[in-house]
């Protein structure tokens, strides 16, 4: 089976060696790559087994206002071959809207927002103009959704809040990571399943979902709006692929999740790992 990983993380080489151990301490989790671009690609190729590695989407995060331009420059520089990237903005940055325009111009494929690391709730007033601009530009927004070890007692992106944002911005494509809510499958099923402008990704799902629970979410939401993802370096292709294979799905549904949905959503030319068109038309 071919697979496209819709949710990976890597860092500039000089930063990776410091960032991963610090994040691992926060998450109390092992990591499975060295956090560099080359190391991540090597892992993906090594994990493919008999499958074909079609590519990966890196979701970068700007954790401060002054950082966002450098993050997006790094994302643009990293793209090529089998590597595609989302950019990021910091919600309270004075130039966040202008940076979204620049993200589109750089040919990035969407915008990643991590409300826990960026310190906001997704319905905060500062965030709403960002969604309107992304809707206008045709840039998907990927949220870390549900629980996160960085702020274990506060959920900054509850599935119910994602549902309200999806209703308010019906032309916005939303990717609710971690099957709609890390550790919150019942809430994801209640609030998000069936929403036309919401995709779920499988990142880290093998750590908190059984095959039966995973199957239930896919069945309720529709396999055509689920994206294969690992959250590498925090999980692996073999683990998330095993969950997909253990689910009670048809081979056609598995193929949609593994790579076909990503190809369609992001405008990737089948089998070539090259964009059909720039990010401005993604999700249209």
Protein backbone atom coordinates (compact mmCIF):
# COMPACT_ATOMS: atom_id res chain seq x y z
CA UNK A 1 0.00 0.00 0.00
CA UNK A 2 1.20 3.50 -0.78
CA UNK A 3 1.18 5.97 2.11
CA UNK A 4 1.45 9.74 2.45
CA UNK A 5 2.14 10.98 6.00
CA UNK A 6 0.08 14.14 6.56
CA UNK A 7 1.54 15.10 9.95
CA UNK A 8 5.27 15.08 10.67
CA UNK A 9 7.59 17.48 12.48
CA UNK A 10 11.22 18.35 11.92
CA UNK A 11 13.47 21.25 12.86
CA UNK A 12 16.54 23.06 11.54
CA UNK A 13 19.57 20.83 12.07
CA UNK A 14 21.11 23.18 14.62
CA UNK A 15 17.93 23.17 16.72
CA UNK A 16 16.79 19.54 16.52
CA UNK A 17 19.29 18.16 19.02
CA UNK A 18 18.06 20.59 21.70
CA UNK A 19 14.36 20.70 20.84
CA UNK A 20 13.56 17.00 20.82
CA UNK A 21 14.89 16.10 24.29
CA UNK A 22 13.12 19.13 25.78
CA UNK A 23 9.81 18.27 24.11
CA UNK A 24 10.20 14.61 25.08
CA UNK A 25 10.55 15.62 28.73
CA UNK A 26 7.35 17.66 28.51
CA UNK A 27 5.44 14.92 26.71
CA UNK A 28 6.99 12.10 28.72
CA UNK A 29 7.30 10.31 25.41
CA UNK A 30 10.13 8.71 23.45
CA UNK A 31 10.97 10.05 20.00
CA UNK A 32 11.63 7.98 16.91
CA UNK A 33 13.65 10.25 14.60
CA UNK A 34 16.46 12.72 15.15
CA UNK A 35 14.15 15.61 14.32
CA UNK A 36 16.02 16.78 11.21
CA UNK A 37 14.68 16.85 7.67
CA UNK A 38 17.15 14.25 6.41
CA UNK A 39 16.66 12.05 9.46
CA UNK A 40 12.88 12.17 9.11
CA UNK A 41 13.03 11.23 5.44
CA UNK A 42 15.41 8.36 6.23
CA UNK A 43 12.98 7.06 8.86
CA UNK A 44 10.04 7.28 6.46
CA UNK A 45 11.91 5.33 3.82
CA UNK A 46 13.08 2.80 6.40
CA UNK A 47 9.55 2.32 7.74
CA UNK A 48 7.96 1.72 4.36
CA UNK A 49 8.50 -2.06 4.31
CA UNK A 50 6.79 -3.36 1.20
CA UNK A 51 4.76 -0.19 0.87
CA UNK A 52 5.58 2.92 -1.15
CA UNK A 53 6.42 6.15 0.67
CA UNK A 54 4.64 8.82 -1.39
CA UNK A 55 5.66 11.81 0.72
CA UNK A 56 5.12 13.71 3.94
CA UNK A 57 3.55 16.97 5.04
CA UNK A 58 5.54 18.79 7.71
CA UNK A 59 3.46 20.90 10.09
CA UNK A 60 5.59 23.73 11.44
CA UNK A 61 4.60 25.84 14.45
CA UNK A 62 5.46 29.46 15.22
CA UNK A 63 5.63 29.65 19.02
CA UNK A 64 6.20 33.42 19.18
CA UNK A 65 5.38 36.47 17.08
CA UNK A 66 8.98 37.20 16.11
CA UNK A 67 9.53 33.57 15.09
CA UNK A 68 6.83 33.20 12.45
CA UNK A 69 8.75 34.63 9.47
CA UNK A 70 11.78 32.41 10.11
CA UNK A 71 9.55 29.36 10.57
CA UNK A 72 7.87 29.96 7.23
CA UNK A 73 11.14 30.62 5.45
CA UNK A 74 12.44 27.31 6.80
CA UNK A 75 9.27 25.55 5.66
CA UNK A 76 9.56 26.96 2.14
CA UNK A 77 13.25 26.06 1.95
CA UNK A 78 12.49 22.49 3.11
CA UNK A 79 9.98 21.75 0.36
CA UNK A 80 10.99 19.57 -2.54
CA UNK A 81 10.86 15.97 -3.70
CA UNK A 82 8.67 14.10 -1.22
CA UNK A 83 8.56 16.91 1.35
CA UNK A 84 5.67 19.36 1.56
CA UNK A 85 5.05 21.90 4.32
CA UNK A 86 2.47 23.90 6.21
CA UNK A 87 3.47 27.28 7.51
CA UNK A 88 2.34 28.90 10.74
CA UNK A 89 1.45 32.26 12.25
CA UNK A 90 1.35 33.41 15.84
CA UNK A 91 -2.27 34.46 16.50
CA UNK A 92 -1.49 37.73 18.31
CA UNK A 93 1.33 38.83 16.00
CA UNK A 94 0.57 42.29 14.56
CA UNK A 95 1.46 41.10 11.07
CA UNK A 96 -0.24 37.69 11.21
CA UNK A 97 -2.67 38.44 8.38
CA UNK A 98 0.13 39.69 6.15
CA UNK A 99 2.14 36.59 6.99
CA UNK A 100 -0.76 34.44 5.81
CA UNK A 101 -0.54 36.19 2.45
CA UNK A 102 3.18 35.43 2.42
CA UNK A 103 2.53 31.76 3.27
CA UNK A 104 0.35 31.54 0.18
CA UNK A 105 3.00 33.27 -1.90
CA UNK A 106 5.69 30.89 -0.66
CA UNK A 107 3.70 27.94 -2.02
CA UNK A 108 3.07 26.36 1.38
CA UNK A 109 0.09 24.05 1.69
CA UNK A 110 -1.72 25.34 4.75
CA UNK A 111 -1.35 26.73 8.25
CA UNK A 112 -0.65 24.81 11.46
CA UNK A 113 -1.93 26.22 14.74
CA UNK A 114 -1.12 24.57 18.08
CA UNK A 115 -3.27 26.36 20.66
CA UNK A 116 -1.43 24.81 23.63
CA UNK A 117 2.05 25.87 22.55
CA UNK A 118 0.79 29.18 21.18
CA UNK A 119 -1.30 29.99 24.26
CA UNK A 120 -4.77 30.69 22.88
CA UNK A 121 -8.21 29.13 22.64
CA UNK A 122 -9.35 28.58 19.08
CA UNK A 123 -12.42 30.81 19.49
CA UNK A 124 -10.44 33.74 20.90
CA UNK A 125 -11.17 37.01 19.06
CA UNK A 126 -7.56 37.24 17.88
CA UNK A 127 -7.92 33.98 15.95
CA UNK A 128 -11.14 34.65 14.05
CA UNK A 129 -9.64 37.02 11.44
CA UNK A 130 -7.00 34.37 10.73
CA UNK A 131 -9.66 31.82 9.82
CA UNK A 132 -11.43 34.34 7.61
CA UNK A 133 -8.17 35.08 5.79
CA UNK A 134 -7.33 31.38 5.39
CA UNK A 135 -10.82 30.79 4.04
CA UNK A 136 -10.27 33.62 1.54
CA UNK A 137 -6.86 32.29 0.50
CA UNK A 138 -7.90 28.64 0.30
CA UNK A 139 -5.38 27.60 2.94
CA UNK A 140 -6.39 24.64 5.14
CA UNK A 141 -5.89 25.07 8.88
CA UNK A 142 -4.57 22.15 10.91
CA UNK A 143 -5.24 22.26 14.66
CA UNK A 144 -3.75 20.19 17.42
CA UNK A 145 -7.09 19.01 18.77
CA UNK A 146 -7.90 17.66 22.22
CA UNK A 147 -5.64 17.00 25.19
CA UNK A 148 -1.94 17.89 25.18
CA UNK A 149 0.75 17.19 27.81
CA UNK A 150 2.04 20.78 27.54
CA UNK A 151 -1.16 22.01 29.24
CA UNK A 152 -2.63 18.83 30.73
CA UNK A 153 -5.40 20.53 32.71
CA UNK A 154 -6.74 22.84 29.99
CA UNK A 155 -8.02 21.81 26.57
CA UNK A 156 -7.41 24.77 24.26
CA UNK A 157 -8.96 23.10 21.21
CA UNK A 158 -11.99 21.06 22.21
CA UNK A 159 -13.83 19.21 19.41
CA UNK A 160 -16.94 21.27 20.19
CA UNK A 161 -14.99 24.48 19.59
CA UNK A 162 -13.67 23.09 16.29
CA UNK A 163 -17.26 22.37 15.29
CA UNK A 164 -18.29 25.96 16.03
CA UNK A 165 -15.37 27.33 13.99
CA UNK A 166 -16.31 24.98 11.14
CA UNK A 167 -19.88 26.31 11.22
CA UNK A 168 -18.78 29.93 11.34
CA UNK A 169 -16.37 29.50 8.41
CA UNK A 170 -18.01 26.94 6.11
CA UNK A 171 -15.51 27.59 3.30
CA UNK A 172 -12.53 26.86 5.54
CA UNK A 173 -10.93 23.41 5.33
CA UNK A 174 -10.06 22.27 8.84
CA UNK A 175 -7.80 19.34 9.72
CA UNK A 176 -8.57 18.23 13.27
CA UNK A 177 -5.45 16.29 14.22
CA UNK A 178 -5.44 13.17 16.37
CA UNK A 179 -8.75 11.86 15.00
CA UNK A 180 -10.55 15.00 16.07
CA UNK A 181 -9.28 15.10 19.64
CA UNK A 182 -6.29 13.58 21.41
CA UNK A 183 -7.75 11.25 24.01
CA UNK A 184 -11.28 12.53 23.26
CA UNK A 185 -12.83 10.11 20.74
CA UNK A 186 -16.35 10.36 22.16
CA UNK A 187 -16.31 14.15 21.86
CA UNK A 188 -14.84 13.94 18.35
CA UNK A 189 -17.63 11.58 17.32
CA UNK A 190 -20.31 13.80 18.84
CA UNK A 191 -19.19 17.16 17.49
CA UNK A 192 -17.09 16.59 14.39
CA UNK A 193 -18.09 13.41 12.60
CA UNK A 194 -20.00 14.12 9.42
CA UNK A 195 -18.90 17.75 9.04
CA UNK A 196 -18.13 18.40 5.39
CA UNK A 197 -15.30 20.92 5.88
CA UNK A 198 -13.48 18.92 8.58
CA UNK A 199 -10.82 16.26 8.01
CA UNK A 200 -9.49 14.03 10.78
CA UNK A 201 -5.90 12.81 10.77
CA UNK A 202 -4.64 9.62 12.37
CA UNK A 203 -1.60 11.18 14.10
CA UNK A 204 -0.75 9.33 17.33
CA UNK A 205 -4.11 7.52 17.16
CA UNK A 206 -2.52 4.12 17.80
CA UNK A 207 -1.62 5.38 21.29
CA UNK A 208 -5.18 6.07 22.43
CA UNK A 209 -7.61 4.27 20.08
CA UNK A 210 -8.41 0.59 19.66
CA UNK A 211 -9.04 -0.72 16.15
CA UNK A 212 -12.74 -0.90 17.00
CA UNK A 213 -12.90 2.72 18.20
CA UNK A 214 -10.89 3.88 15.18
CA UNK A 215 -13.24 2.03 12.84
CA UNK A 216 -16.23 3.65 14.52
CA UNK A 217 -14.87 7.17 14.00
CA UNK A 218 -14.03 6.48 10.36
CA UNK A 219 -17.47 5.00 9.73
CA UNK A 220 -19.24 7.98 11.33
CA UNK A 221 -17.14 10.61 9.59
CA UNK A 222 -16.52 8.95 6.22
CA UNK A 223 -13.24 7.47 5.00
CA UNK A 224 -12.97 10.18 2.33
CA UNK A 225 -12.25 12.79 5.04
CA UNK A 226 -9.61 10.91 7.06
CA UNK A 227 -5.86 11.41 6.46
CA UNK A 228 -3.07 9.01 7.33
CA UNK A 229 -0.60 10.63 9.74
CA UNK A 230 1.93 9.65 12.38
CA UNK A 231 2.99 12.77 14.33
CA UNK A 232 6.60 11.63 13.75
CA UNK A 233 8.88 11.85 15.73
CA UNK A 234 6.30 10.95 18.41
CA UNK A 235 4.90 7.91 16.64
CA UNK A 236 5.88 5.71 13.72
CA UNK A 237 4.56 4.60 10.36
CA UNK A 238 4.47 0.91 11.43
CA UNK A 239 2.34 1.71 14.50
CA UNK A 240 -0.18 3.93 12.72
CA UNK A 241 -0.24 1.67 9.66
CA UNK A 242 -0.98 -1.32 11.93
CA UNK A 243 -4.00 0.50 13.35
CA UNK A 244 -5.26 1.27 9.85
CA UNK A 245 -4.83 -2.34 8.78
CA UNK A 246 -6.51 -3.69 11.92
CA UNK A 247 -9.59 -1.53 11.38
CA UNK A 248 -12.67 -3.11 9.84
CA UNK A 249 -12.45 -1.18 6.57
CA UNK A 250 -12.45 -2.09 2.92
CA UNK A 251 -9.24 -1.92 0.91
CA UNK A 252 -10.70 1.02 -1.00
CA UNK A 253 -11.29 2.88 2.27
CA UNK A 254 -7.77 2.11 3.45
CA UNK A 255 -6.30 3.44 0.21
CA UNK A 256 -8.29 6.65 0.53
CA UNK A 257 -6.97 7.20 4.03
CA UNK A 258 -3.41 6.08 3.27
CA UNK A 259 -2.80 8.46 0.36
CA UNK A 260 -5.68 9.20 -2.00
CA UNK A 261 -7.38 11.76 0.24
CA UNK A 262 -4.11 13.66 0.69
CA UNK A 263 -3.46 13.63 -3.04
CA UNK A 264 -6.88 15.16 -3.68
CA UNK A 265 -6.87 17.65 -0.81
CA UNK A 266 -3.39 19.02 -1.38
CA UNK A 267 -3.38 18.85 -5.17
CA UNK A 268 -0.54 16.36 -5.50
CA UNK A 269 0.16 14.78 -8.86
CA UNK A 270 -0.32 11.03 -8.45
CA UNK A 271 2.90 9.10 -8.12
CA UNK A 272 5.18 12.09 -8.64
CA UNK A 273 5.26 13.99 -5.36
CA UNK A 274 4.95 17.33 -7.12
CA UNK A 275 2.24 19.96 -6.66
CA UNK A 276 -0.30 20.43 -9.41
CA UNK A 277 -0.79 24.04 -8.39
CA UNK A 278 0.36 26.40 -5.65
CA UNK A 279 -1.19 26.44 -2.23
CA UNK A 280 -3.65 29.19 -3.14
CA UNK A 281 -5.94 26.59 -4.71
CA UNK A 282 -5.63 23.96 -1.99
CA UNK A 283 -8.93 22.93 -0.45
CA UNK A 284 -10.98 24.85 -3.00
